[in-house]
Amino acid sequence: MRLSVAVRERVAAVHRGSALPERLRLYDGWADSYEQDVAALEYRAPHLAAASLAFAFPTPPAEARLLDVACGTGLVARELHRRGFRCLHGVDGSTGMLERARSTGLYQQLWQCALGREALPVPAEHYDAVTLVGALGEGQVPTTVTPELLRVTKAGGFICLTTRSNPPNLQYKAELEAALERLEKQGAWQKVLAQEVEYWEKATSEEESTQGTGYISGMIYIYQKCPVPQLKED
């Protein structure tokens, strides 16, 4: 099924690299139709990220405390809940998205936070796992947020990240992977998974399509925070 012009325009608008206030305004306006739009896109990141994190988890997750960063309307929380995660907290910059997330009843706590401009409003080493799904990309959350995600994760805890591999995002993806690798070399975390997924979501143009498939590809990363991080100078 072909994507409607309206869906293409809404997706393009939030990826244009506009200033943060304008981007948050766009997300506020998108909140009511967001889930039906990403369903039309066949957007698989929430399902794939939650499945990968659940597989990596060493113990039953019901007691694990998890922070869903850039939680949007709660798509990742739904997938995590299906896999046994019950103690879910969330943050997002958009009040419209947070209202939708709150309506799911899946989060014990929700905060508004403009990640990349503000510190996460939670204590250090507080979470058994942190997810950042769908917001690491060109024109969205900067790659410099990774140390902040590490800060709020317990030693031995997991951090699950995703990004797209479509042409406009390739430079961002390279910068992100360089940042992830630097933290690994510094002993902050170790890589558990780096998996490319071909059918990540429908492409919004022929130019974006991977080898004419009509889809773009994406990446899932899972890192485990080292028990005693020893950050060193490069």
C-alpha atoms as a PDB file:
ATOM      1  CA  MET A   1       0.000   0.000   0.000  1.00  0.00           C
ATOM      2  CA  ARG A   2       1.372   3.407  -0.997  1.00  0.00           C
ATOM      3  CA  LEU A   3       1.920   6.026   1.666  1.00  0.00           C
ATOM      4  CA  SER A   4      -0.393   9.023   1.549  1.00  0.00           C
ATOM      5  CA  VAL A   5       1.003  12.454   0.757  1.00  0.00           C
ATOM      6  CA  ALA A   6       0.006  13.617   4.259  1.00  0.00           C
ATOM      7  CA  VAL A   7       2.034  10.856   5.942  1.00  0.00           C
ATOM      8  CA  ARG A   8       5.058  11.595   3.750  1.00  0.00           C
ATOM      9  CA  GLU A   9       4.831  15.285   4.582  1.00  0.00           C
ATOM     10  CA  ARG A  10       4.551  14.720   8.342  1.00  0.00           C
ATOM     11  CA  VAL A  11       7.535  12.355   8.369  1.00  0.00           C
ATOM     12  CA  ALA A  12       9.611  14.728   6.238  1.00  0.00           C
ATOM     13  CA  ALA A  13       8.725  17.695   8.453  1.00  0.00           C
ATOM     14  CA  VAL A  14      10.084  16.185  11.682  1.00  0.00           C
ATOM     15  CA  HIS A  15      13.317  15.082   9.968  1.00  0.00           C
ATOM     16  CA  ARG A  16      14.138  18.451   8.387  1.00  0.00           C
ATOM     17  CA  GLY A  17      16.482  19.616  11.114  1.00  0.00           C
ATOM     18  CA  SER A  18      14.364  22.532  12.302  1.00  0.00           C
ATOM     19  CA  ALA A  19      15.112  24.299  15.592  1.00  0.00           C
ATOM     20  CA  LEU A  20      13.991  22.478  18.734  1.00  0.00           C
ATOM     21  CA  PRO A  21      10.902  24.631  19.516  1.00  0.00           C
ATOM     22  CA  GLU A  22       9.566  24.126  15.989  1.00  0.00           C
ATOM     23  CA  ARG A  23      10.354  20.397  16.077  1.00  0.00           C
ATOM     24  CA  LEU A  24       8.499  19.977  19.385  1.00  0.00           C
ATOM     25  CA  ARG A  25       5.539  21.913  17.944  1.00  0.00           C
ATOM     26  CA  LEU A  26       5.474  19.486  15.008  1.00  0.00           C
ATOM     27  CA  TYR A  27       5.501  16.491  17.348  1.00  0.00           C
ATOM     28  CA  ASP A  28       2.735  18.020  19.466  1.00  0.00           C
ATOM     29  CA  GLY A  29       0.615  18.339  16.343  1.00  0.00           C
ATOM     30  CA  TRP A  30       1.503  14.841  15.181  1.00  0.00           C
ATOM     31  CA  ALA A  31       0.615  13.081  18.440  1.00  0.00           C
ATOM     32  CA  ASP A  32      -3.014  12.245  17.557  1.00  0.00           C
ATOM     33  CA  SER A  33      -2.187  10.622  14.198  1.00  0.00           C
ATOM     34  CA  TYR A  34       1.311   9.364  15.034  1.00  0.00           C
ATOM     35  CA  GLU A  35       0.438   5.732  15.678  1.00  0.00           C
ATOM     36  CA  GLN A  36      -1.668   5.291  12.552  1.00  0.00           C
ATOM     37  CA  ASP A  37       1.046   7.009  10.483  1.00  0.00           C
ATOM     38  CA  VAL A  38       3.865   4.772  11.747  1.00  0.00           C
ATOM     39  CA  ALA A  39       1.607   1.739  11.238  1.00  0.00           C
ATOM     40  CA  ALA A  40       1.280   2.811   7.583  1.00  0.00           C
ATOM     41  CA  LEU A  41       5.082   3.063   7.494  1.00  0.00           C
ATOM     42  CA  GLU A  42       5.333  -0.501   8.886  1.00  0.00           C
ATOM     43  CA  TYR A  43       7.724   0.964  11.455  1.00  0.00           C
ATOM     44  CA  ARG A  44       9.337  -1.997  13.234  1.00  0.00           C
ATOM     45  CA  ALA A  45      11.813  -0.353  15.620  1.00  0.00           C
ATOM     46  CA  PRO A  46       9.724  -0.582  18.841  1.00  0.00           C
ATOM     47  CA  HIS A  47       9.047  -4.304  18.356  1.00  0.00           C
ATOM     48  CA  LEU A  48      12.608  -5.146  17.315  1.00  0.00           C
ATOM     49  CA  ALA A  49      14.264  -3.091  20.053  1.00  0.00           C
ATOM     50  CA  ALA A  50      12.062  -4.532  22.805  1.00  0.00           C
ATOM     51  CA  ALA A  51      12.618  -8.092  21.565  1.00  0.00           C
ATOM     52  CA  SER A  52      16.394  -7.569  21.431  1.00  0.00           C
ATOM     53  CA  LEU A  53      16.521  -6.056  24.912  1.00  0.00           C
ATOM     54  CA  ALA A  54      14.373  -8.813  26.409  1.00  0.00           C
ATOM     55  CA  PHE A  55      16.662 -11.432  24.858  1.00  0.00           C
ATOM     56  CA  ALA A  56      19.747  -9.734  26.349  1.00  0.00           C
ATOM     57  CA  PHE A  57      18.233  -9.481  29.831  1.00  0.00           C
ATOM     58  CA  PRO A  58      19.731 -12.101  32.175  1.00  0.00           C
ATOM     59  CA  THR A  59      16.812 -12.359  34.606  1.00  0.00           C
ATOM     60  CA  PRO A  60      13.005 -12.038  34.463  1.00  0.00           C
ATOM     61  CA  PRO A  61      12.333  -8.331  33.843  1.00  0.00           C
ATOM     62  CA  ALA A  62       9.262  -7.687  36.038  1.00  0.00           C
ATOM     63  CA  GLU A  63      11.321  -6.041  38.805  1.00  0.00           C
ATOM     64  CA  ALA A  64      13.699  -4.238  36.453  1.00  0.00           C
ATOM     65  CA  ARG A  65      13.423  -0.452  36.353  1.00  0.00           C
ATOM     66  CA  LEU A  66      13.522   0.855  32.777  1.00  0.00           C
ATOM     67  CA  LEU A  67      13.672   4.387  31.340  1.00  0.00           C
ATOM     68  CA  ASP A  68      12.089   4.895  27.908  1.00  0.00           C
ATOM     69  CA  VAL A  69      13.810   8.015  26.534  1.00  0.00           C
ATOM     70  CA  ALA A  70      11.970   9.898  23.745  1.00  0.00           C
ATOM     71  CA  CYS A  71       9.024   7.667  24.632  1.00  0.00           C
ATOM     72  CA  GLY A  72       6.592   9.277  22.195  1.00  0.00           C
ATOM     73  CA  THR A  73       3.100   7.827  22.479  1.00  0.00           C
ATOM     74  CA  GLY A  74       4.296   4.674  24.258  1.00  0.00           C
ATOM     75  CA  LEU A  75       4.892   2.226  21.405  1.00  0.00           C
ATOM     76  CA  VAL A  76       8.095   0.905  22.979  1.00  0.00           C
ATOM     77  CA  ALA A  77       6.372   0.585  26.376  1.00  0.00           C
ATOM     78  CA  ARG A  78       3.644  -1.584  24.848  1.00  0.00           C
ATOM     79  CA  GLU A  79       6.245  -3.926  23.392  1.00  0.00           C
ATOM     80  CA  LEU A  80       8.231  -4.033  26.631  1.00  0.00           C
ATOM     81  CA  HIS A  81       5.098  -4.691  28.674  1.00  0.00           C
ATOM     82  CA  ARG A  82       4.272  -7.652  26.427  1.00  0.00           C
ATOM     83  CA  ARG A  83       7.693  -9.057  27.308  1.00  0.00           C
ATOM     84  CA  GLY A  84       7.281  -8.772  31.061  1.00  0.00           C
ATOM     85  CA  PHE A  85       8.672  -5.324  31.852  1.00  0.00           C
ATOM     86  CA  ARG A  86       6.447  -3.622  34.413  1.00  0.00           C
ATOM     87  CA  CYS A  87       8.424  -0.769  36.019  1.00  0.00           C
ATOM     88  CA  LEU A  88       8.490   1.711  33.137  1.00  0.00           C
ATOM     89  CA  HIS A  89       9.382   5.399  33.308  1.00  0.00           C
ATOM     90  CA  GLY A  90       9.419   7.723  30.300  1.00  0.00           C
ATOM     91  CA  VAL A  91      10.677  11.095  29.111  1.00  0.00           C
ATOM     92  CA  ASP A  92       9.871  13.093  25.988  1.00  0.00           C
ATOM     93  CA  GLY A  93      10.184  16.682  24.859  1.00  0.00           C
ATOM     94  CA  SER A  94       6.671  16.910  23.410  1.00  0.00           C
ATOM     95  CA  THR A  95       3.719  17.551  25.711  1.00  0.00           C
ATOM     96  CA  GLY A  96       1.359  16.147  23.074  1.00  0.00           C
ATOM     97  CA  MET A  97       3.281  12.884  22.907  1.00  0.00           C
ATOM     98  CA  LEU A  98       3.470  12.668  26.706  1.00  0.00           C
ATOM     99  CA  GLU A  99      -0.309  13.040  26.975  1.00  0.00           C
ATOM    100  CA  ARG A 100      -0.734  10.054  24.669  1.00  0.00           C
ATOM    101  CA  ALA A 101       1.904   8.074  26.587  1.00  0.00           C
ATOM    102  CA  ARG A 102       0.136   8.842  29.869  1.00  0.00           C
ATOM    103  CA  SER A 103      -3.157   7.560  28.451  1.00  0.00           C
ATOM    104  CA  THR A 104      -1.659   4.073  27.962  1.00  0.00           C
ATOM    105  CA  GLY A 105      -1.413   3.534  31.726  1.00  0.00           C
ATOM    106  CA  LEU A 106       1.887   1.703  31.197  1.00  0.00           C
ATOM    107  CA  TYR A 107       4.254   4.242  32.753  1.00  0.00           C
ATOM    108  CA  GLN A 108       4.719   4.671  36.471  1.00  0.00           C
ATOM    109  CA  GLN A 109       6.316   8.077  35.916  1.00  0.00           C
ATOM    110  CA  LEU A 110       6.626  10.491  32.986  1.00  0.00           C
ATOM    111  CA  TRP A 111       8.664  13.680  32.625  1.00  0.00           C
ATOM    112  CA  GLN A 112       9.082  16.340  29.976  1.00  0.00           C
ATOM    113  CA  CYS A 113      12.722  16.765  28.971  1.00  0.00           C
ATOM    114  CA  ALA A 114      14.411  18.171  25.860  1.00  0.00           C
ATOM    115  CA  LEU A 115      17.177  15.592  25.572  1.00  0.00           C
ATOM    116  CA  GLY A 116      20.402  17.060  24.249  1.00  0.00           C
ATOM    117  CA  ARG A 117      19.611  20.410  25.832  1.00  0.00           C
ATOM    118  CA  GLU A 118      18.655  19.265  29.343  1.00  0.00           C
ATOM    119  CA  ALA A 119      19.951  16.551  31.645  1.00  0.00           C
ATOM    120  CA  LEU A 120      17.618  13.629  32.253  1.00  0.00           C
ATOM    121  CA  PRO A 121      15.579  14.414  35.400  1.00  0.00           C
ATOM    122  CA  VAL A 122      16.586  11.222  37.199  1.00  0.00           C
ATOM    123  CA  PRO A 123      19.422  10.155  39.559  1.00  0.00           C
ATOM    124  CA  ALA A 124      22.657   8.536  38.445  1.00  0.00           C
ATOM    125  CA  GLU A 125      22.782   4.720  38.206  1.00  0.00           C
ATOM    126  CA  HIS A 126      19.033   4.439  38.709  1.00  0.00           C
ATOM    127  CA  TYR A 127      17.905   2.148  35.862  1.00  0.00           C
ATOM    128  CA  ASP A 128      18.480  -1.470  34.927  1.00  0.00           C
ATOM    129  CA  ALA A 129      17.883  -0.555  31.296  1.00  0.00           C
ATOM    130  CA  VAL A 130      17.475   2.563  29.152  1.00  0.00           C
ATOM    131  CA  THR A 131      15.966   2.670  25.662  1.00  0.00           C
ATOM    132  CA  LEU A 132      16.247   5.401  23.033  1.00  0.00           C
ATOM    133  CA  VAL A 133      14.283   4.155  20.037  1.00  0.00           C
ATOM    134  CA  GLY A 134      13.525   6.186  16.927  1.00  0.00           C
ATOM    135  CA  ALA A 135      14.914   9.567  17.991  1.00  0.00           C
ATOM    136  CA  LEU A 136      18.610   9.146  17.210  1.00  0.00           C
ATOM    137  CA  GLY A 137      18.782  10.671  13.749  1.00  0.00           C
ATOM    138  CA  GLU A 138      19.633  13.682  11.639  1.00  0.00           C
ATOM    139  CA  GLY A 139      17.641  16.681  12.816  1.00  0.00           C
ATOM    140  CA  GLN A 140      16.560  14.987  16.035  1.00  0.00           C
ATOM    141  CA  VAL A 141      18.505  13.961  19.177  1.00  0.00           C
ATOM    142  CA  PRO A 142      22.271  14.706  18.949  1.00  0.00           C
ATOM    143  CA  THR A 143      24.842  11.913  19.252  1.00  0.00           C
ATOM    144  CA  THR A 144      26.303  13.708  22.297  1.00  0.00           C
ATOM    145  CA  VAL A 145      23.519  12.332  24.542  1.00  0.00           C
ATOM    146  CA  THR A 146      25.137   8.921  25.009  1.00  0.00           C
ATOM    147  CA  PRO A 147      27.103   9.803  28.199  1.00  0.00           C
ATOM    148  CA  GLU A 148      23.855  11.045  29.769  1.00  0.00           C
ATOM    149  CA  LEU A 149      22.209   7.692  29.023  1.00  0.00           C
ATOM    150  CA  LEU A 150      25.167   5.965  30.656  1.00  0.00           C
ATOM    151  CA  ARG A 151      24.941   8.214  33.715  1.00  0.00           C
ATOM    152  CA  VAL A 152      21.432   7.066  34.638  1.00  0.00           C
ATOM    153  CA  THR A 153      22.095   3.365  33.969  1.00  0.00           C
ATOM    154  CA  LYS A 154      23.192   1.028  36.742  1.00  0.00           C
ATOM    155  CA  ALA A 155      26.501  -0.789  36.445  1.00  0.00           C
ATOM    156  CA  GLY A 156      25.737  -3.976  34.532  1.00  0.00           C
ATOM    157  CA  GLY A 157      22.575  -2.422  33.082  1.00  0.00           C
ATOM    158  CA  PHE A 158      21.664  -2.300  29.392  1.00  0.00           C
ATOM    159  CA  ILE A 159      21.244   0.568  26.936  1.00  0.00           C
ATOM    160  CA  CYS A 160      19.265  -0.078  23.741  1.00  0.00           C
ATOM    161  CA  LEU A 161      19.561   2.396  20.845  1.00  0.00           C
ATOM    162  CA  THR A 162      18.283   2.518  17.278  1.00  0.00           C
ATOM    163  CA  THR A 163      18.930   4.643  14.211  1.00  0.00           C
ATOM    164  CA  ARG A 164      18.037   4.640  10.512  1.00  0.00           C
ATOM    165  CA  SER A 165      20.337   3.803   7.598  1.00  0.00           C
ATOM    166  CA  ASN A 166      18.621   5.863   4.896  1.00  0.00           C
ATOM    167  CA  PRO A 167      20.836   8.211   2.824  1.00  0.00           C
ATOM    168  CA  PRO A 168      20.154  11.486   4.716  1.00  0.00           C
ATOM    169  CA  ASN A 169      21.030   9.759   8.002  1.00  0.00           C
ATOM    170  CA  LEU A 170      24.282   8.047   6.980  1.00  0.00           C
ATOM    171  CA  GLN A 171      26.620  10.788   8.235  1.00  0.00           C
ATOM    172  CA  TYR A 172      24.730  10.941  11.535  1.00  0.00           C
ATOM    173  CA  LYS A 173      24.904   7.127  11.809  1.00  0.00           C
ATOM    174  CA  ALA A 174      28.685   7.221  11.255  1.00  0.00           C
ATOM    175  CA  GLU A 175      29.070   9.900  13.951  1.00  0.00           C
ATOM    176  CA  LEU A 176      26.883   7.903  16.329  1.00  0.00           C
ATOM    177  CA  GLU A 177      28.878   4.714  15.817  1.00  0.00           C
ATOM    178  CA  ALA A 178      32.134   6.622  16.372  1.00  0.00           C
ATOM    179  CA  ALA A 179      30.732   7.953  19.672  1.00  0.00           C
ATOM    180  CA  LEU A 180      29.610   4.475  20.731  1.00  0.00           C
ATOM    181  CA  GLU A 181      33.020   3.025  19.887  1.00  0.00           C
ATOM    182  CA  ARG A 182      34.860   5.744  21.825  1.00  0.00           C
ATOM    183  CA  LEU A 183      32.873   4.938  24.965  1.00  0.00           C
ATOM    184  CA  GLU A 184      33.600   1.249  24.508  1.00  0.00           C
ATOM    185  CA  LYS A 185      37.348   1.897  24.132  1.00  0.00           C
ATOM    186  CA  GLN A 186      37.214   4.031  27.288  1.00  0.00           C
ATOM    187  CA  GLY A 187      35.775   1.080  29.221  1.00  0.00           C
ATOM    188  CA  ALA A 188      32.382   2.690  29.858  1.00  0.00           C
ATOM    189  CA  TRP A 189      30.351  -0.107  28.282  1.00  0.00           C
ATOM    190  CA  GLN A 190      30.668  -3.191  26.125  1.00  0.00           C
ATOM    191  CA  LYS A 191      28.776  -4.012  22.970  1.00  0.00           C
ATOM    192  CA  VAL A 192      26.204  -6.793  23.228  1.00  0.00           C
ATOM    193  CA  LEU A 193      24.521  -6.366  19.845  1.00  0.00           C
ATOM    194  CA  ALA A 194      24.838  -4.313  16.663  1.00  0.00           C
ATOM    195  CA  GLN A 195      22.320  -5.622  14.151  1.00  0.00           C
ATOM    196  CA  GLU A 196      21.283  -4.202  10.798  1.00  0.00           C
ATOM    197  CA  VAL A 197      17.634  -4.730   9.829  1.00  0.00           C
ATOM    198  CA  GLU A 198      16.754  -4.436   6.138  1.00  0.00           C
ATOM    199  CA  TYR A 199      13.004  -3.803   6.365  1.00  0.00           C
ATOM    200  CA  TRP A 200      13.016  -1.122   9.051  1.00  0.00           C
ATOM    201  CA  GLU A 201      10.186   0.988   7.685  1.00  0.00           C
ATOM    202  CA  LYS A 202       8.739   2.034   4.344  1.00  0.00           C
ATOM    203  CA  ALA A 203      10.744   4.595   2.408  1.00  0.00           C
ATOM    204  CA  THR A 204       9.023   7.923   1.847  1.00  0.00           C
ATOM    205  CA  SER A 205      10.630   8.315  -1.604  1.00  0.00           C
ATOM    206  CA  GLU A 206      12.271   6.188  -4.294  1.00  0.00           C
ATOM    207  CA  GLU A 207      15.632   7.815  -3.510  1.00  0.00           C
ATOM    208  CA  GLU A 208      15.404   6.618   0.092  1.00  0.00           C
ATOM    209  CA  SER A 209      14.553   3.038  -0.833  1.00  0.00           C
ATOM    210  CA  THR A 210      17.220   0.392  -0.223  1.00  0.00           C
ATOM    211  CA  GLN A 211      17.998  -1.279  -3.557  1.00  0.00           C
ATOM    212  CA  GLY A 212      14.501  -0.675  -4.856  1.00  0.00           C
ATOM    213  CA  THR A 213      12.774  -2.605  -2.050  1.00  0.00           C
ATOM    214  CA  GLY A 214      10.523   0.301  -1.070  1.00  0.00           C
ATOM    215  CA  TYR A 215      11.952   0.174   2.477  1.00  0.00           C
ATOM    216  CA  ILE A 216      14.860   1.689   4.372  1.00  0.00           C
ATOM    217  CA  SER A 217      17.138  -0.241   6.698  1.00  0.00           C
ATOM    218  CA  GLY A 218      18.014   0.521  10.313  1.00  0.00           C
ATOM    219  CA  MET A 219      20.252  -0.480  13.201  1.00  0.00           C
ATOM    220  CA  ILE A 220      19.733  -1.820  16.715  1.00  0.00           C
ATOM    221  CA  TYR A 221      22.532  -1.452  19.261  1.00  0.00           C
ATOM    222  CA  ILE A 222      22.634  -2.878  22.771  1.00  0.00           C
ATOM    223  CA  TYR A 223      25.427  -2.016  25.185  1.00  0.00           C
ATOM    224  CA  GLN A 224      26.016  -3.152  28.759  1.00  0.00           C
ATOM    225  CA  LYS A 225      27.456  -0.655  31.211  1.00  0.00           C
ATOM    226  CA  CYS A 226      30.701  -1.938  32.654  1.00  0.00           C
ATOM    227  CA  PRO A 227      30.585  -2.795  36.384  1.00  0.00           C
ATOM    228  CA  VAL A 228      33.369  -0.342  37.204  1.00  0.00           C
ATOM    229  CA  PRO A 229      33.560   2.186  34.339  1.00  0.00           C
ATOM    230  CA  GLN A 230      37.021   3.622  33.967  1.00  0.00           C
ATOM    231  CA  LEU A 231      36.766   6.538  31.581  1.00  0.00           C
ATOM    232  CA  LYS A 232      40.161   7.483  30.170  1.00  0.00           C
ATOM    233  CA  GLU A 233      41.385  10.311  28.017  1.00  0.00           C
ATOM    234  CA  ASP A 234      41.554   9.480  24.301  1.00  0.00           C
END
